[in-house]
Amino acid sequence: MDFLELSKKRYSVRKFASTTVEAEKLNSILEAGRLAPTAKNCQSHKIFVLQSEDALERIRKATKMAFNAPLVLMICYDKNLSYKNTADTHYKDYDGGEVDAAIVTTSMMMQATELGLGTLWARGFNSSDIYNAFPEINGLELVCLLDIGYPAEDAAPSIRHNDRKPLTETVSYL
């Protein structure tokens, strides 16, 4: 499948089957994140794989944004390792960690889609609840959750999924 077809196929899954994600698929997804580009190759991201009963129970108690997925990746970054652009006078104190973590997440999301899995990039939660549930991430910056699993039989894209602005509204040629 070419990349544009893959991009069209991907949608935010909010209802997952209880089927466990196979270890080889998880490893392929994590490898896609490992290979993702980061600013100056800092690789400041840290991925927490939530798949044990305990971890899944904790994330489900902390936020509804886990959508009962059988696998949730919690993507964070370390501010001590992330790229800082000290030459930028417009964005003082620019920290590239969040952008890098977003690139890593996107790579993993697209790899999961190629493997026949569904995903949901989740950020609609109170970070404090997740920090309280997972003291393992203290000292890191929480960027998002990536829910992963096989879509339930009745899972479907949201009604807004295909609403895309035309290129004329998002692209300018200079």
C-alpha atoms as a PDB file:
ATOM      1  CA  MET A   1       0.000   0.000   0.000  1.00  0.00           C
ATOM      2  CA  ASP A   2       1.429   3.392  -0.878  1.00  0.00           C
ATOM      3  CA  PHE A   3       1.688   6.077   1.784  1.00  0.00           C
ATOM      4  CA  LEU A   4      -1.291   8.161   0.643  1.00  0.00           C
ATOM      5  CA  GLU A   5      -3.540   5.084   0.638  1.00  0.00           C
ATOM      6  CA  LEU A   6      -2.259   4.186   4.099  1.00  0.00           C
ATOM      7  CA  SER A   7      -2.983   7.745   5.264  1.00  0.00           C
ATOM      8  CA  LYS A   8      -6.544   7.537   3.927  1.00  0.00           C
ATOM      9  CA  LYS A   9      -7.079   4.167   5.632  1.00  0.00           C
ATOM     10  CA  ARG A  10      -5.976   5.365   9.085  1.00  0.00           C
ATOM     11  CA  TYR A  11      -8.651   6.716  11.380  1.00  0.00           C
ATOM     12  CA  SER A  12      -9.048   7.339  15.107  1.00  0.00           C
ATOM     13  CA  VAL A  13     -10.384   4.115  16.591  1.00  0.00           C
ATOM     14  CA  ARG A  14     -12.492   4.595  19.702  1.00  0.00           C
ATOM     15  CA  LYS A  15     -13.713   1.027  20.080  1.00  0.00           C
ATOM     16  CA  PHE A  16     -11.270  -1.858  20.219  1.00  0.00           C
ATOM     17  CA  ALA A  17     -11.641  -5.629  20.185  1.00  0.00           C
ATOM     18  CA  SER A  18     -10.154  -7.334  23.242  1.00  0.00           C
ATOM     19  CA  THR A  19      -7.668  -9.250  21.063  1.00  0.00           C
ATOM     20  CA  THR A  20      -4.076  -8.966  22.264  1.00  0.00           C
ATOM     21  CA  VAL A  21      -1.606  -7.273  19.923  1.00  0.00           C
ATOM     22  CA  GLU A  22       1.037  -9.791  18.896  1.00  0.00           C
ATOM     23  CA  ALA A  23       4.579  -9.203  20.214  1.00  0.00           C
ATOM     24  CA  GLU A  24       6.058  -9.093  16.700  1.00  0.00           C
ATOM     25  CA  LYS A  25       3.610  -6.354  15.692  1.00  0.00           C
ATOM     26  CA  LEU A  26       4.374  -4.381  18.854  1.00  0.00           C
ATOM     27  CA  ASN A  27       8.101  -4.711  18.152  1.00  0.00           C
ATOM     28  CA  SER A  28       7.590  -3.486  14.583  1.00  0.00           C
ATOM     29  CA  ILE A  29       5.638  -0.474  15.864  1.00  0.00           C
ATOM     30  CA  LEU A  30       8.329   0.343  18.429  1.00  0.00           C
ATOM     31  CA  GLU A  31      11.011  -0.031  15.749  1.00  0.00           C
ATOM     32  CA  ALA A  32       9.165   2.495  13.565  1.00  0.00           C
ATOM     33  CA  GLY A  33       9.338   4.909  16.505  1.00  0.00           C
ATOM     34  CA  ARG A  34      13.017   4.177  17.024  1.00  0.00           C
ATOM     35  CA  LEU A  35      13.747   4.993  13.383  1.00  0.00           C
ATOM     36  CA  ALA A  36      11.728   8.233  13.362  1.00  0.00           C
ATOM     37  CA  PRO A  37      13.700  11.427  12.851  1.00  0.00           C
ATOM     38  CA  THR A  38      14.326  13.745  15.789  1.00  0.00           C
ATOM     39  CA  ALA A  39      16.014  17.150  15.904  1.00  0.00           C
ATOM     40  CA  LYS A  40      19.798  16.709  15.859  1.00  0.00           C
ATOM     41  CA  ASN A  41      19.061  13.017  16.463  1.00  0.00           C
ATOM     42  CA  CYS A  42      18.627  13.764  20.175  1.00  0.00           C
ATOM     43  CA  GLN A  43      16.112  10.921  20.610  1.00  0.00           C
ATOM     44  CA  SER A  44      14.823  12.414  23.839  1.00  0.00           C
ATOM     45  CA  HIS A  45      11.578  10.428  23.716  1.00  0.00           C
ATOM     46  CA  LYS A  46      10.691   7.698  26.173  1.00  0.00           C
ATOM     47  CA  ILE A  47       7.914   5.232  25.379  1.00  0.00           C
ATOM     48  CA  PHE A  48       6.113   3.337  28.106  1.00  0.00           C
ATOM     49  CA  VAL A  49       4.305   0.202  26.900  1.00  0.00           C
ATOM     50  CA  LEU A  50       1.142  -0.310  28.914  1.00  0.00           C
ATOM     51  CA  GLN A  51      -0.009  -3.878  28.404  1.00  0.00           C
ATOM     52  CA  SER A  52      -0.065  -5.550  31.826  1.00  0.00           C
ATOM     53  CA  GLU A  53      -3.404  -5.774  33.627  1.00  0.00           C
ATOM     54  CA  ASP A  54      -2.061  -3.414  36.286  1.00  0.00           C
ATOM     55  CA  ALA A  55      -0.856  -0.761  33.824  1.00  0.00           C
ATOM     56  CA  LEU A  56      -4.046  -0.908  31.757  1.00  0.00           C
ATOM     57  CA  GLU A  57      -6.183  -0.641  34.885  1.00  0.00           C
ATOM     58  CA  ARG A  58      -4.179   2.387  36.040  1.00  0.00           C
ATOM     59  CA  ILE A  59      -4.477   4.198  32.688  1.00  0.00           C
ATOM     60  CA  ARG A  60      -8.199   3.422  32.435  1.00  0.00           C
ATOM     61  CA  LYS A  61      -8.777   4.832  35.908  1.00  0.00           C
ATOM     62  CA  ALA A  62      -6.729   7.946  35.069  1.00  0.00           C
ATOM     63  CA  THR A  63      -8.474   8.751  31.760  1.00  0.00           C
ATOM     64  CA  LYS A  64     -11.269   7.659  29.462  1.00  0.00           C
ATOM     65  CA  MET A  65      -8.894   8.369  26.574  1.00  0.00           C
ATOM     66  CA  ALA A  66      -7.535   4.800  26.707  1.00  0.00           C
ATOM     67  CA  PHE A  67     -10.799   3.605  25.100  1.00  0.00           C
ATOM     68  CA  ASN A  68     -10.251   0.090  26.500  1.00  0.00           C
ATOM     69  CA  ALA A  69      -7.461  -0.567  24.017  1.00  0.00           C
ATOM     70  CA  PRO A  70      -5.509  -3.730  24.823  1.00  0.00           C
ATOM     71  CA  LEU A  71      -2.261  -1.815  24.364  1.00  0.00           C
ATOM     72  CA  VAL A  72      -1.477   1.815  25.154  1.00  0.00           C
ATOM     73  CA  LEU A  73       1.801   3.565  24.494  1.00  0.00           C
ATOM     74  CA  MET A  74       2.527   6.520  26.739  1.00  0.00           C
ATOM     75  CA  ILE A  75       4.892   8.858  24.908  1.00  0.00           C
ATOM     76  CA  CYS A  76       7.034  11.241  26.933  1.00  0.00           C
ATOM     77  CA  TYR A  77      10.309  13.082  26.480  1.00  0.00           C
ATOM     78  CA  ASP A  78      13.202  14.139  28.665  1.00  0.00           C
ATOM     79  CA  LYS A  79      13.748  17.920  28.673  1.00  0.00           C
ATOM     80  CA  ASN A  80      17.364  17.327  29.664  1.00  0.00           C
ATOM     81  CA  LEU A  81      17.992  15.500  26.390  1.00  0.00           C
ATOM     82  CA  SER A  82      15.760  17.340  23.914  1.00  0.00           C
ATOM     83  CA  TYR A  83      17.018  19.736  21.258  1.00  0.00           C
ATOM     84  CA  LYS A  84      17.070  23.409  22.237  1.00  0.00           C
ATOM     85  CA  ASN A  85      17.347  26.082  19.560  1.00  0.00           C
ATOM     86  CA  THR A  86      19.229  28.811  21.380  1.00  0.00           C
ATOM     87  CA  ALA A  87      19.779  30.808  18.181  1.00  0.00           C
ATOM     88  CA  ASP A  88      16.074  31.554  17.716  1.00  0.00           C
ATOM     89  CA  THR A  89      15.248  35.068  18.907  1.00  0.00           C
ATOM     90  CA  HIS A  90      11.536  34.730  18.070  1.00  0.00           C
ATOM     91  CA  TYR A  91      10.879  31.535  20.056  1.00  0.00           C
ATOM     92  CA  LYS A  92      13.036  31.996  23.097  1.00  0.00           C
ATOM     93  CA  ASP A  93      13.780  28.784  24.966  1.00  0.00           C
ATOM     94  CA  TYR A  94      12.518  26.631  22.072  1.00  0.00           C
ATOM     95  CA  ASP A  95      12.421  22.969  23.090  1.00  0.00           C
ATOM     96  CA  GLY A  96      11.966  20.434  20.277  1.00  0.00           C
ATOM     97  CA  GLY A  97      11.064  17.526  22.551  1.00  0.00           C
ATOM     98  CA  GLU A  98       7.311  17.692  22.022  1.00  0.00           C
ATOM     99  CA  VAL A  99       7.648  17.913  18.233  1.00  0.00           C
ATOM    100  CA  ASP A 100      10.099  15.014  18.230  1.00  0.00           C
ATOM    101  CA  ALA A 101       7.739  12.904  20.353  1.00  0.00           C
ATOM    102  CA  ALA A 102       4.911  13.770  17.944  1.00  0.00           C
ATOM    103  CA  ILE A 103       6.996  12.612  14.974  1.00  0.00           C
ATOM    104  CA  VAL A 104       7.835   9.366  16.790  1.00  0.00           C
ATOM    105  CA  THR A 105       4.146   8.850  17.613  1.00  0.00           C
ATOM    106  CA  THR A 106       3.071   9.458  14.031  1.00  0.00           C
ATOM    107  CA  SER A 107       5.594   6.935  12.732  1.00  0.00           C
ATOM    108  CA  MET A 108       4.330   4.321  15.184  1.00  0.00           C
ATOM    109  CA  MET A 109       0.706   5.135  14.373  1.00  0.00           C
ATOM    110  CA  MET A 110       1.247   4.659  10.644  1.00  0.00           C
ATOM    111  CA  GLN A 111       3.186   1.417  11.179  1.00  0.00           C
ATOM    112  CA  ALA A 112       0.333   0.077  13.314  1.00  0.00           C
ATOM    113  CA  THR A 113      -2.125   0.956  10.551  1.00  0.00           C
ATOM    114  CA  GLU A 114      -0.008  -0.836   7.966  1.00  0.00           C
ATOM    115  CA  LEU A 115      -0.066  -3.919  10.216  1.00  0.00           C
ATOM    116  CA  GLY A 116      -3.873  -3.936  10.277  1.00  0.00           C
ATOM    117  CA  LEU A 117      -4.224  -2.386  13.716  1.00  0.00           C
ATOM    118  CA  GLY A 118      -6.251   0.612  14.765  1.00  0.00           C
ATOM    119  CA  THR A 119      -4.931   3.548  16.765  1.00  0.00           C
ATOM    120  CA  LEU A 120      -6.047   6.629  18.582  1.00  0.00           C
ATOM    121  CA  TRP A 121      -3.713   9.541  19.282  1.00  0.00           C
ATOM    122  CA  ALA A 122      -5.044  10.766  22.620  1.00  0.00           C
ATOM    123  CA  ARG A 123      -4.359  14.060  24.357  1.00  0.00           C
ATOM    124  CA  GLY A 124      -7.735  14.976  25.855  1.00  0.00           C
ATOM    125  CA  PHE A 125      -6.822  14.165  29.448  1.00  0.00           C
ATOM    126  CA  ASN A 126      -5.651  15.799  32.632  1.00  0.00           C
ATOM    127  CA  SER A 127      -1.900  15.156  32.763  1.00  0.00           C
ATOM    128  CA  SER A 128      -1.879  15.358  36.565  1.00  0.00           C
ATOM    129  CA  ASP A 129      -4.113  12.285  36.763  1.00  0.00           C
ATOM    130  CA  ILE A 130      -1.672  10.309  34.628  1.00  0.00           C
ATOM    131  CA  TYR A 131       1.395  11.536  36.524  1.00  0.00           C
ATOM    132  CA  ASN A 132      -0.335  10.452  39.743  1.00  0.00           C
ATOM    133  CA  ALA A 133      -1.166   7.026  38.303  1.00  0.00           C
ATOM    134  CA  PHE A 134       2.311   6.503  36.843  1.00  0.00           C
ATOM    135  CA  PRO A 135       5.081   7.824  39.105  1.00  0.00           C
ATOM    136  CA  GLU A 136       7.469   6.126  36.642  1.00  0.00           C
ATOM    137  CA  ILE A 137       7.118   9.157  34.345  1.00  0.00           C
ATOM    138  CA  ASN A 138       7.933  11.804  36.958  1.00  0.00           C
ATOM    139  CA  GLY A 139      10.698  14.020  35.605  1.00  0.00           C
ATOM    140  CA  LEU A 140       9.534  13.496  32.021  1.00  0.00           C
ATOM    141  CA  GLU A 141       7.158  15.521  29.847  1.00  0.00           C
ATOM    142  CA  LEU A 142       4.011  13.581  28.906  1.00  0.00           C
ATOM    143  CA  VAL A 143       3.064  14.260  25.288  1.00  0.00           C
ATOM    144  CA  CYS A 144       0.297  11.813  24.415  1.00  0.00           C
ATOM    145  CA  LEU A 145      -1.125   8.335  24.577  1.00  0.00           C
ATOM    146  CA  LEU A 146      -1.281   6.066  21.547  1.00  0.00           C
ATOM    147  CA  ASP A 147      -4.047   3.510  21.953  1.00  0.00           C
ATOM    148  CA  ILE A 148      -3.438   0.449  19.776  1.00  0.00           C
ATOM    149  CA  GLY A 149      -5.454  -2.653  19.017  1.00  0.00           C
ATOM    150  CA  TYR A 150      -7.670  -4.391  16.543  1.00  0.00           C
ATOM    151  CA  PRO A 151     -10.737  -2.271  15.813  1.00  0.00           C
ATOM    152  CA  ALA A 152     -14.010  -3.730  17.097  1.00  0.00           C
ATOM    153  CA  GLU A 153     -16.288  -5.054  14.367  1.00  0.00           C
ATOM    154  CA  ASP A 154     -18.536  -2.020  14.693  1.00  0.00           C
ATOM    155  CA  ALA A 155     -15.709   0.549  14.939  1.00  0.00           C
ATOM    156  CA  ALA A 156     -15.914   3.310  12.359  1.00  0.00           C
ATOM    157  CA  PRO A 157     -14.300   6.648  11.628  1.00  0.00           C
ATOM    158  CA  SER A 158     -15.956   9.726  13.104  1.00  0.00           C
ATOM    159  CA  ILE A 159     -18.261  11.674  10.829  1.00  0.00           C
ATOM    160  CA  ARG A 160     -15.547  14.360  10.589  1.00  0.00           C
ATOM    161  CA  HIS A 161     -12.835  11.931   9.443  1.00  0.00           C
ATOM    162  CA  ASN A 162     -13.031  12.829   5.752  1.00  0.00           C
ATOM    163  CA  ASP A 163     -13.520  16.563   6.307  1.00  0.00           C
ATOM    164  CA  ARG A 164     -10.333  17.982   4.859  1.00  0.00           C
ATOM    165  CA  LYS A 165      -9.691  21.522   3.807  1.00  0.00           C
ATOM    166  CA  PRO A 166      -8.568  21.916   0.203  1.00  0.00           C
ATOM    167  CA  LEU A 167      -4.870  22.578  -0.338  1.00  0.00           C
ATOM    168  CA  THR A 168      -5.739  26.135  -1.378  1.00  0.00           C
ATOM    169  CA  GLU A 169      -6.696  26.823   2.259  1.00  0.00           C
ATOM    170  CA  THR A 170      -3.607  25.300   3.849  1.00  0.00           C
ATOM    171  CA  VAL A 171      -0.800  25.856   1.354  1.00  0.00           C
ATOM    172  CA  SER A 172       0.730  29.101   0.092  1.00  0.00           C
ATOM    173  CA  TYR A 173       3.328  29.289  -2.644  1.00  0.00           C
ATOM    174  CA  LEU A 174       5.828  32.107  -2.225  1.00  0.00           C
END
